[in-house]
Structures are given as C-alpha cells and as structure tokens.
Amino acid sequence: MPVVPAVPGFPTRRLRRLRRTPALRRLVAQTRLTTDDLVAPLFVADGLEVPRPVGSLPGVVQHTIPSLVEEVRRLADLGVPGVILFPLPRPRDKDATGSAALDPDGITRRALEAVRDAVGDDLVVMADCCLDEFTDHGHCGVLDPSTGDVDNDATVELYADLAVVQAAAGADVIAPSGMMDGQVAAIRTSLDAAGHTNTAILAYAAKYASALYGPFREAADVTIVGGGDRKGYQQDPRNGREALAEVVLDVAEGADMVMVKPALTYLDVVAEVRGAVDVPVAAYHVSGEYAMVKAAAERGWIDGPAVALEQVTAVKRAGADFVLTYFAGELAEVLHD
C-alpha cells in the first residue's frame, strides 16, 4: 500500500486544488456524459392530425408520423445516436391479443419505415417489442381465459412474430419489454429464420414492477383492466439478486445488450449488472423520474436542466453505457453547445 506523506492538509488540499477551476474539473472528471450516451423514447399515434401533448410529461407528445420524422431528424442533427419507438394504435383497433401491432399496414410498420427512410443509418432505430399499447386489457400479452393471468408461451410467440415485422420495417434493435420467460431466445430464433441475423436485441432484462411508470401509461394510452398490475411478471422492487439472474438468462439466450428499468431508483442494480456481464448495459430513466424533475422545476423548487444533467450523469457513473431518457433532446442541446 502506498505510504501517505505526512503533509499538513494532505490529501484534502490536493482534492481542493483539483476542483479549483472549471478547466481543472473537466480535466479530471471521472465520468463524462455526451450526446453519444443518449437514446430518446418517442411515441407515435395512429389517426392523429396534429401532435398531442402528454399532460404528465411536459415537453413530450404523441407524434403524428410527419412530426415524428421531423423530431428524429432534429435529434440526429444534435448528435443523438438512437431513438426507441412506441407506436400507438387507434383505440378502436385494440383487442385481446394486440393484433394491430402485427398489422402489415399498421402504425408499427409505417412509423418504423418513415423513420428509417428519413435518417438512414445516421441514427439507431430501436423498436419496443411489447403488446400493452395494443391490448384492450392493458397487459403485455395474451391472457389465459381460465386464470386471467398472462399466458407466457402464447405471448412469446407473438413477440417473435412482432420482432420480424419490426426488423423488416427497418428496426436496427428489437427491445422486448414484456419480461416473459424465454422471450429473447424466441425472438433471436425468429429473426434469424427470417434472415434478420444482423438485427440486435436489447433485452429489458431487469424491469421492475415500479410505481414510476404512470406518466408513460398516459403517453401510451394504457390502462390495466380492473386496476390490475404486472407484479406477476415484472420484478419485485425489493429484490436485487433476482435482477442478475434475469440478466444472465437473457444474455445466454442471445441478448446483445441488456437494460435496467427504472434507472435512477435502481443505481445499485445498474452497478451490479455492469460488473456481472460484458455486453453493453442500458438504463431507462423512466417517465416518473422525468416528471418529478419537471414538476419541481415548474414550481421553481429546483434548477430543472441542472438536475436532469446530474441525474443522467449519475446513471452513467453507475455503469450504464447509454441511457434512455425523455431528457435526451434537452440534454443534447446543452451538451451540443
């Protein structure tokens, strides 16, 4: 072990010296957040004439396809390397199996193709592979009529089919978010069989049954029937080791990247996952985490942009290689300057 010299004030004064000016602080910064670390979640709704603001997510809208294209071009110009799309059907098109998600003429294909045509390979296009936006009961898959629970195996089959639709429409990355057992293996097999061997999978490997998803459900127009929840298939917020087991399983099944969701509230899990696997680790700074900053900033209680930058930097510091955040565009403008 190095011998610490008996110098008065050492090492406190050394640390202070390295904080003295902005240039010194930049020089010795241990974590750097850049636009390269950001992915923007975007909603696009079928049947809209103009973008529709989301009340609980100030600055976020349900896009039309033209406004979606305009936004992805703006993000690409700012240097944001990726977006993840959440297509939303017309309410009348929802059904028990989420069939509109796989409609060859539906919003899934049309939105992905429009984005791909607009930005080419200048931006990574990710597709959320789930059915909750498309089901009339609000769950992430097909329900077993005898129990009312999600039928894991029947749902996984639909995810595999949906992934092929998304890849064929131009998605670079398929991001299964339903937390179904075996979903990654089924999607990888389906993609390969359809010739999409270069399409990557970002697994929502450690997705918690969090209370922080409320604003997202408004944005995605999702209501779980009967006031139910997803605690039977998403992770218990009290469990940490369980996340590592889920991550290891998804990597073994063929996930190219893994995600922890939410991000800020689960920094310990992000750090543990980063230490456990060699694949890229993402974290989703979720709608509730975003909305709390916006609400406090609107009341003048905090400096919103500064807190957003601090929070997302903390997620990066914990070990995330990139962060999905509704602040992506705002942060990119700050970092771009």
Protein backbone atom coordinates (compact mmCIF):
# COMPACT_ATOMS: atom_id res chain seq x y z
CA MET A 1 0.00 0.00 0.00
CA PRO A 2 1.40 3.48 -0.84
CA VAL A 3 2.71 5.48 2.08
CA VAL A 4 0.76 8.73 2.56
CA PRO A 5 3.22 11.56 3.14
CA ALA A 6 2.87 13.47 6.40
CA VAL A 7 1.99 16.76 4.75
CA PRO A 8 -0.41 19.09 6.56
CA GLY A 9 -3.79 19.04 4.89
CA PHE A 10 -2.94 16.08 2.65
CA PRO A 11 -4.89 14.77 0.82
CA THR A 12 -7.69 17.30 1.39
CA ARG A 13 -5.81 20.19 -0.17
CA ARG A 14 -4.92 18.10 -3.19
CA LEU A 15 -8.58 17.37 -3.82
CA ARG A 16 -9.48 21.02 -3.42
CA ARG A 17 -6.72 22.06 -5.80
CA LEU A 18 -8.21 19.81 -8.47
CA ARG A 19 -11.63 21.41 -8.06
CA ARG A 20 -10.43 25.00 -8.25
CA THR A 21 -11.40 25.94 -11.81
CA PRO A 22 -13.87 24.66 -14.40
CA ALA A 23 -10.98 23.61 -16.63
CA LEU A 24 -9.36 21.57 -13.86
CA ARG A 25 -12.67 19.92 -13.03
CA ARG A 26 -13.15 18.98 -16.68
CA LEU A 27 -9.61 17.65 -16.90
CA VAL A 28 -10.00 15.20 -14.01
CA ALA A 29 -13.69 14.31 -14.39
CA GLN A 30 -14.18 10.59 -13.85
CA THR A 31 -17.50 10.32 -15.71
CA ARG A 32 -18.36 12.10 -18.93
CA LEU A 33 -21.86 12.36 -20.33
CA THR A 34 -22.07 13.13 -24.03
CA THR A 35 -24.78 13.04 -26.65
CA ASP A 36 -23.41 9.61 -27.61
CA ASP A 37 -24.86 8.25 -24.35
CA LEU A 38 -28.48 9.22 -25.06
CA VAL A 39 -31.47 7.42 -26.57
CA ALA A 40 -34.78 9.26 -26.95
CA PRO A 41 -38.09 7.42 -26.36
CA LEU A 42 -40.72 8.65 -28.85
CA PHE A 43 -44.46 7.98 -29.11
CA VAL A 44 -46.31 7.95 -32.43
CA ALA A 45 -50.08 7.54 -32.56
CA ASP A 46 -52.25 6.33 -35.40
CA GLY A 47 -55.03 8.62 -36.55
CA LEU A 48 -53.74 11.90 -35.14
CA GLU A 49 -53.95 15.05 -37.25
CA VAL A 50 -51.54 17.04 -35.06
CA PRO A 51 -49.17 16.04 -32.23
CA ARG A 52 -50.92 15.60 -28.88
CA PRO A 53 -49.11 16.83 -25.72
CA VAL A 54 -48.85 14.41 -22.78
CA GLY A 55 -50.04 16.25 -19.67
CA SER A 56 -47.90 14.40 -17.14
CA LEU A 57 -44.78 14.57 -19.34
CA PRO A 58 -44.20 18.25 -20.16
CA GLY A 59 -42.38 18.54 -23.48
CA VAL A 60 -43.38 15.04 -24.62
CA VAL A 61 -46.04 14.44 -27.27
CA GLN A 62 -47.79 11.67 -29.09
CA HIS A 63 -46.44 12.30 -32.57
CA THR A 64 -48.02 12.04 -35.97
CA ILE A 65 -45.77 10.30 -38.46
CA PRO A 66 -44.73 13.63 -40.08
CA SER A 67 -43.89 15.19 -36.68
CA LEU A 68 -42.05 12.01 -35.68
CA VAL A 69 -39.87 12.29 -38.78
CA GLU A 70 -39.19 15.95 -38.02
CA GLU A 71 -38.18 15.07 -34.44
CA VAL A 72 -35.82 12.24 -35.35
CA ARG A 73 -34.12 14.50 -37.88
CA ARG A 74 -33.69 17.14 -35.18
CA LEU A 75 -32.24 14.59 -32.76
CA ALA A 76 -29.87 13.24 -35.40
CA ASP A 77 -28.68 16.78 -36.14
CA LEU A 78 -27.97 17.23 -32.42
CA GLY A 79 -25.85 14.08 -32.42
CA VAL A 80 -28.23 11.80 -30.51
CA PRO A 81 -27.33 8.32 -31.78
CA GLY A 82 -30.60 6.47 -31.11
CA VAL A 83 -34.35 6.55 -30.62
CA ILE A 84 -36.79 3.93 -29.40
CA LEU A 85 -40.29 3.99 -30.87
CA PHE A 86 -43.57 3.27 -29.11
CA PRO A 87 -46.32 3.07 -31.77
CA LEU A 88 -49.89 3.50 -30.55
CA PRO A 89 -53.00 2.22 -32.34
CA ARG A 90 -56.37 3.86 -32.61
CA PRO A 91 -58.42 2.92 -29.50
CA ARG A 92 -60.92 1.05 -31.67
CA ASP A 93 -58.12 -1.19 -33.01
CA LYS A 94 -57.17 -2.62 -29.61
CA ASP A 95 -58.16 -6.23 -28.92
CA ALA A 96 -57.37 -9.12 -26.60
CA THR A 97 -54.26 -10.22 -28.49
CA GLY A 98 -52.87 -6.86 -29.62
CA SER A 99 -53.25 -7.90 -33.25
CA ALA A 100 -52.89 -4.34 -34.58
CA ALA A 101 -49.22 -4.41 -33.60
CA LEU A 102 -48.60 -7.00 -36.33
CA ASP A 103 -50.84 -5.43 -38.96
CA PRO A 104 -48.71 -5.16 -42.13
CA ASP A 105 -50.37 -1.81 -42.86
CA GLY A 106 -50.46 -0.68 -39.25
CA ILE A 107 -48.72 2.05 -37.28
CA THR A 108 -45.80 -0.22 -36.29
CA ARG A 109 -44.58 -0.73 -39.84
CA ARG A 110 -45.48 2.72 -41.13
CA ALA A 111 -43.71 4.58 -38.32
CA LEU A 112 -40.54 2.48 -38.49
CA GLU A 113 -40.32 2.76 -42.26
CA ALA A 114 -40.83 6.51 -42.15
CA VAL A 115 -38.03 6.96 -39.61
CA ARG A 116 -35.68 4.64 -41.46
CA ASP A 117 -36.33 6.44 -44.75
CA ALA A 118 -35.71 9.80 -43.08
CA VAL A 119 -32.42 9.09 -41.31
CA GLY A 120 -30.96 6.01 -42.96
CA ASP A 121 -28.10 4.67 -40.87
CA ASP A 122 -27.36 8.04 -39.26
CA LEU A 123 -29.41 7.07 -36.24
CA VAL A 124 -30.03 3.74 -34.47
CA VAL A 125 -33.72 2.87 -34.64
CA MET A 126 -34.96 0.73 -31.76
CA ALA A 127 -38.42 -0.81 -31.55
CA ASP A 128 -40.14 -1.61 -28.27
CA CYS A 129 -41.38 -5.19 -28.68
CA CYS A 130 -44.45 -5.46 -26.49
CA LEU A 131 -48.22 -5.55 -26.79
CA ASP A 132 -49.59 -3.49 -23.90
CA GLU A 133 -50.27 -0.46 -26.11
CA PHE A 134 -52.30 -2.70 -28.43
CA THR A 135 -54.30 -4.86 -25.99
CA ASP A 136 -57.71 -3.85 -24.71
CA HIS A 137 -56.83 -5.14 -21.23
CA GLY A 138 -53.52 -3.26 -20.90
CA HIS A 139 -51.33 -6.26 -20.13
CA CYS A 140 -48.17 -7.06 -22.06
CA GLY A 141 -49.52 -10.16 -23.74
CA VAL A 142 -52.30 -12.68 -24.18
CA LEU A 143 -54.38 -13.58 -21.13
CA ASP A 144 -55.18 -17.13 -20.12
CA PRO A 145 -59.01 -17.26 -20.11
CA SER A 146 -59.10 -19.70 -17.22
CA THR A 147 -56.93 -17.68 -14.83
CA GLY A 148 -56.82 -14.15 -16.19
CA ASP A 149 -53.02 -14.24 -15.95
CA VAL A 150 -50.71 -13.54 -18.86
CA ASP A 151 -50.09 -16.66 -20.93
CA ASN A 152 -46.30 -16.57 -21.17
CA ASP A 153 -45.82 -19.02 -24.03
CA ALA A 154 -48.61 -17.67 -26.23
CA THR A 155 -47.27 -14.15 -25.67
CA VAL A 156 -43.71 -15.13 -26.57
CA GLU A 157 -44.93 -16.47 -29.91
CA LEU A 158 -46.50 -13.11 -30.70
CA TYR A 159 -43.33 -11.26 -29.67
CA ALA A 160 -41.33 -13.42 -32.07
CA ASP A 161 -43.70 -12.55 -34.92
CA LEU A 162 -43.75 -8.86 -33.97
CA ALA A 163 -39.95 -8.71 -33.94
CA VAL A 164 -39.85 -9.87 -37.56
CA VAL A 165 -42.37 -7.19 -38.55
CA GLN A 166 -40.26 -4.56 -36.80
CA ALA A 167 -36.98 -5.74 -38.31
CA ALA A 168 -38.47 -5.89 -41.81
CA ALA A 169 -39.70 -2.30 -41.37
CA GLY A 170 -36.20 -1.08 -40.56
CA ALA A 171 -35.55 -1.52 -36.84
CA ASP A 172 -31.86 -1.94 -36.03
CA VAL A 173 -32.63 -3.14 -32.50
CA ILE A 174 -35.56 -5.09 -31.11
CA ALA A 175 -36.25 -4.31 -27.45
CA PRO A 176 -38.57 -6.87 -25.81
CA SER A 177 -40.01 -5.28 -22.69
CA GLY A 178 -42.66 -7.72 -21.50
CA MET A 179 -40.41 -9.74 -19.15
CA MET A 180 -41.75 -13.03 -20.49
CA ASP A 181 -39.67 -16.15 -19.86
CA GLY A 182 -37.82 -17.21 -22.99
CA GLN A 183 -38.69 -14.08 -24.98
CA VAL A 184 -35.10 -13.37 -26.07
CA ALA A 185 -34.43 -16.89 -27.34
CA ALA A 186 -37.72 -16.94 -29.27
CA ILE A 187 -37.08 -13.56 -30.85
CA ARG A 188 -33.49 -14.44 -31.79
CA THR A 189 -34.64 -17.68 -33.41
CA SER A 190 -37.42 -15.92 -35.31
CA LEU A 191 -35.20 -13.09 -36.51
CA ASP A 192 -32.51 -15.46 -37.74
CA ALA A 193 -35.01 -17.68 -39.51
CA ALA A 194 -36.39 -14.63 -41.34
CA GLY A 195 -32.92 -13.54 -42.44
CA HIS A 196 -32.54 -10.69 -39.94
CA THR A 197 -29.32 -12.02 -38.46
CA ASN A 198 -27.85 -8.53 -38.10
CA THR A 199 -30.77 -7.17 -36.08
CA ALA A 200 -29.71 -6.77 -32.46
CA ILE A 201 -31.71 -7.45 -29.30
CA LEU A 202 -31.79 -5.08 -26.32
CA ALA A 203 -33.46 -7.05 -23.56
CA TYR A 204 -35.41 -5.32 -20.81
CA ALA A 205 -33.66 -7.85 -18.59
CA ALA A 206 -34.22 -6.22 -15.21
CA LYS A 207 -37.56 -4.44 -15.47
CA TYR A 208 -39.20 -3.71 -12.16
CA ALA A 209 -42.91 -3.52 -11.32
CA SER A 210 -42.35 0.12 -10.46
CA ALA A 211 -44.73 2.85 -9.36
CA LEU A 212 -42.82 5.25 -11.63
CA TYR A 213 -44.50 4.28 -14.91
CA GLY A 214 -47.69 6.31 -14.50
CA PRO A 215 -46.86 9.11 -16.96
CA PHE A 216 -45.74 6.55 -19.54
CA ARG A 217 -49.12 4.86 -19.35
CA GLU A 218 -50.80 8.17 -20.07
CA ALA A 219 -48.47 8.72 -23.02
CA ALA A 220 -49.05 5.19 -24.31
CA ASP A 221 -52.81 5.27 -23.59
CA VAL A 222 -52.55 2.11 -21.48
CA THR A 223 -54.91 1.20 -18.65
CA ILE A 224 -54.68 -2.19 -16.96
CA VAL A 225 -58.14 -3.70 -16.74
CA GLY A 226 -59.71 -3.91 -13.30
CA GLY A 227 -56.96 -1.80 -11.75
CA GLY A 228 -54.56 -4.73 -12.04
CA ASP A 229 -50.78 -4.71 -12.08
CA ARG A 230 -47.82 -6.53 -13.61
CA LYS A 231 -46.22 -7.80 -10.44
CA GLY A 232 -46.61 -11.39 -11.59
CA TYR A 233 -44.20 -10.97 -14.49
CA GLN A 234 -42.10 -7.91 -13.67
CA GLN A 235 -39.53 -7.85 -10.91
CA ASP A 236 -40.21 -7.09 -7.26
CA PRO A 237 -38.62 -3.73 -6.33
CA ARG A 238 -37.35 -5.33 -3.13
CA ASN A 239 -35.12 -7.76 -5.00
CA GLY A 240 -31.63 -7.13 -6.33
CA ARG A 241 -30.07 -10.56 -6.85
CA GLU A 242 -33.07 -11.56 -8.94
CA ALA A 243 -32.03 -8.94 -11.50
CA LEU A 244 -28.67 -10.61 -12.02
CA ALA A 245 -30.35 -13.96 -12.60
CA GLU A 246 -32.65 -12.43 -15.23
CA VAL A 247 -29.76 -10.66 -16.94
CA VAL A 248 -27.61 -13.79 -17.11
CA LEU A 249 -30.53 -15.74 -18.59
CA ASP A 250 -31.17 -13.13 -21.28
CA VAL A 251 -27.51 -12.97 -22.28
CA ALA A 252 -27.42 -16.76 -22.51
CA GLU A 253 -30.50 -16.65 -24.77
CA GLY A 254 -28.79 -14.26 -27.18
CA ALA A 255 -29.34 -10.71 -25.95
CA ASP A 256 -26.79 -8.34 -27.46
CA MET A 257 -27.48 -5.70 -24.80
CA VAL A 258 -29.38 -5.62 -21.52
CA MET A 259 -31.39 -2.95 -19.76
CA VAL A 260 -32.25 -1.98 -16.20
CA LYS A 261 -35.55 -0.13 -15.76
CA PRO A 262 -36.09 2.24 -13.93
CA ALA A 263 -32.63 3.79 -13.84
CA LEU A 264 -32.13 6.36 -11.10
CA THR A 265 -34.04 4.44 -8.45
CA TYR A 266 -32.06 1.29 -9.22
CA LEU A 267 -28.48 2.56 -9.49
CA ASP A 268 -27.32 -0.31 -7.29
CA VAL A 269 -28.74 -2.77 -9.81
CA VAL A 270 -27.14 -0.92 -12.72
CA ALA A 271 -23.76 -1.18 -10.98
CA GLU A 272 -24.22 -4.87 -10.18
CA VAL A 273 -25.27 -5.70 -13.74
CA ARG A 274 -22.33 -3.76 -15.16
CA GLY A 275 -19.98 -5.88 -13.07
CA ALA A 276 -21.66 -9.15 -14.00
CA VAL A 277 -21.76 -9.07 -17.82
CA ASP A 278 -19.59 -7.91 -20.70
CA VAL A 279 -22.39 -6.86 -23.05
CA PRO A 280 -23.47 -3.20 -23.22
CA VAL A 281 -25.73 -2.15 -20.35
CA ALA A 282 -28.55 0.36 -20.84
CA ALA A 283 -30.73 2.01 -18.22
CA TYR A 284 -34.14 3.60 -18.75
CA HIS A 285 -34.61 6.91 -16.94
CA VAL A 286 -38.35 6.46 -16.82
CA SER A 287 -41.34 8.74 -17.11
CA GLY A 288 -41.88 9.17 -13.37
CA GLU A 289 -38.25 10.10 -12.83
CA TYR A 290 -38.55 12.68 -15.62
CA ALA A 291 -41.93 14.01 -14.47
CA MET A 292 -40.76 14.64 -10.90
CA VAL A 293 -37.93 16.85 -12.15
CA LYS A 294 -40.28 18.74 -14.48
CA ALA A 295 -42.90 19.26 -11.78
CA ALA A 296 -40.41 20.54 -9.20
CA ALA A 297 -38.75 22.79 -11.78
CA GLU A 298 -42.12 24.28 -12.80
CA ARG A 299 -42.67 25.27 -9.16
CA GLY A 300 -39.25 26.87 -9.00
CA TRP A 301 -38.00 24.42 -6.40
CA ILE A 302 -35.05 23.14 -8.41
CA ASP A 303 -32.97 24.01 -11.44
CA GLY A 304 -34.53 21.51 -13.84
CA PRO A 305 -31.83 21.33 -16.52
CA ALA A 306 -29.07 21.06 -13.91
CA VAL A 307 -30.87 18.26 -12.06
CA ALA A 308 -31.55 16.41 -15.31
CA LEU A 309 -27.88 16.57 -16.23
CA GLU A 310 -26.86 15.42 -12.74
CA GLN A 311 -29.32 12.53 -12.69
CA VAL A 312 -28.44 11.15 -16.10
CA THR A 313 -24.72 11.54 -15.37
CA ALA A 314 -25.28 9.52 -12.18
CA VAL A 315 -26.82 6.72 -14.23
CA LYS A 316 -23.77 6.75 -16.49
CA ARG A 317 -21.47 6.81 -13.44
CA ALA A 318 -23.22 3.74 -12.04
CA GLY A 319 -22.18 1.78 -15.12
CA ALA A 320 -24.70 2.33 -17.90
CA ASP A 321 -23.22 2.50 -21.39
CA PHE A 322 -26.22 4.50 -22.58
CA VAL A 323 -29.38 5.94 -21.10
CA LEU A 324 -32.91 6.02 -22.47
CA THR A 325 -34.37 9.30 -21.25
CA TYR A 326 -37.11 11.78 -22.13
CA PHE A 327 -34.48 14.43 -21.46
CA ALA A 328 -32.44 13.26 -24.48
CA GLY A 329 -33.31 16.21 -26.71
CA GLU A 330 -32.90 18.81 -23.96
CA LEU A 331 -29.60 17.37 -22.78
CA ALA A 332 -28.33 17.08 -26.34
CA GLU A 333 -28.94 20.80 -26.82
CA VAL A 334 -26.97 21.58 -23.66
CA LEU A 335 -24.15 19.17 -24.46
CA HIS A 336 -24.09 20.23 -28.10
CA ASP A 337 -23.41 23.81 -27.06
